[in-house]
């Protein structure tokens, strides 16, 4: 499992019910970890970028243009710094 989102879980999970609640909340927070989802969903080879299983040829498009808000641009910028042409978004 990735790093814990609830950093004080050991302090607040003092009963079995609270421990279960923390585990459920942690699972939910991990499931919506936008940064990790983008990192795991996007990959590239020399000629293409893949989002999940969908392939986008880079030769035809000439590079990567990122349109997004929040974590997407920052994550992609770090992952594909040499290929991204322009980042459009709130955190770009």
Foldseek 3Di string as FASTA:
>chain_A
DPDFPPPCLVVQCPDVVSNVVSVVVRVVCVVVPVLVQLVVQWDDDPFWIGGNNDTDGCVVVVFDEAEDEDNNVVSVCVVPVPGYDYYDYDVD
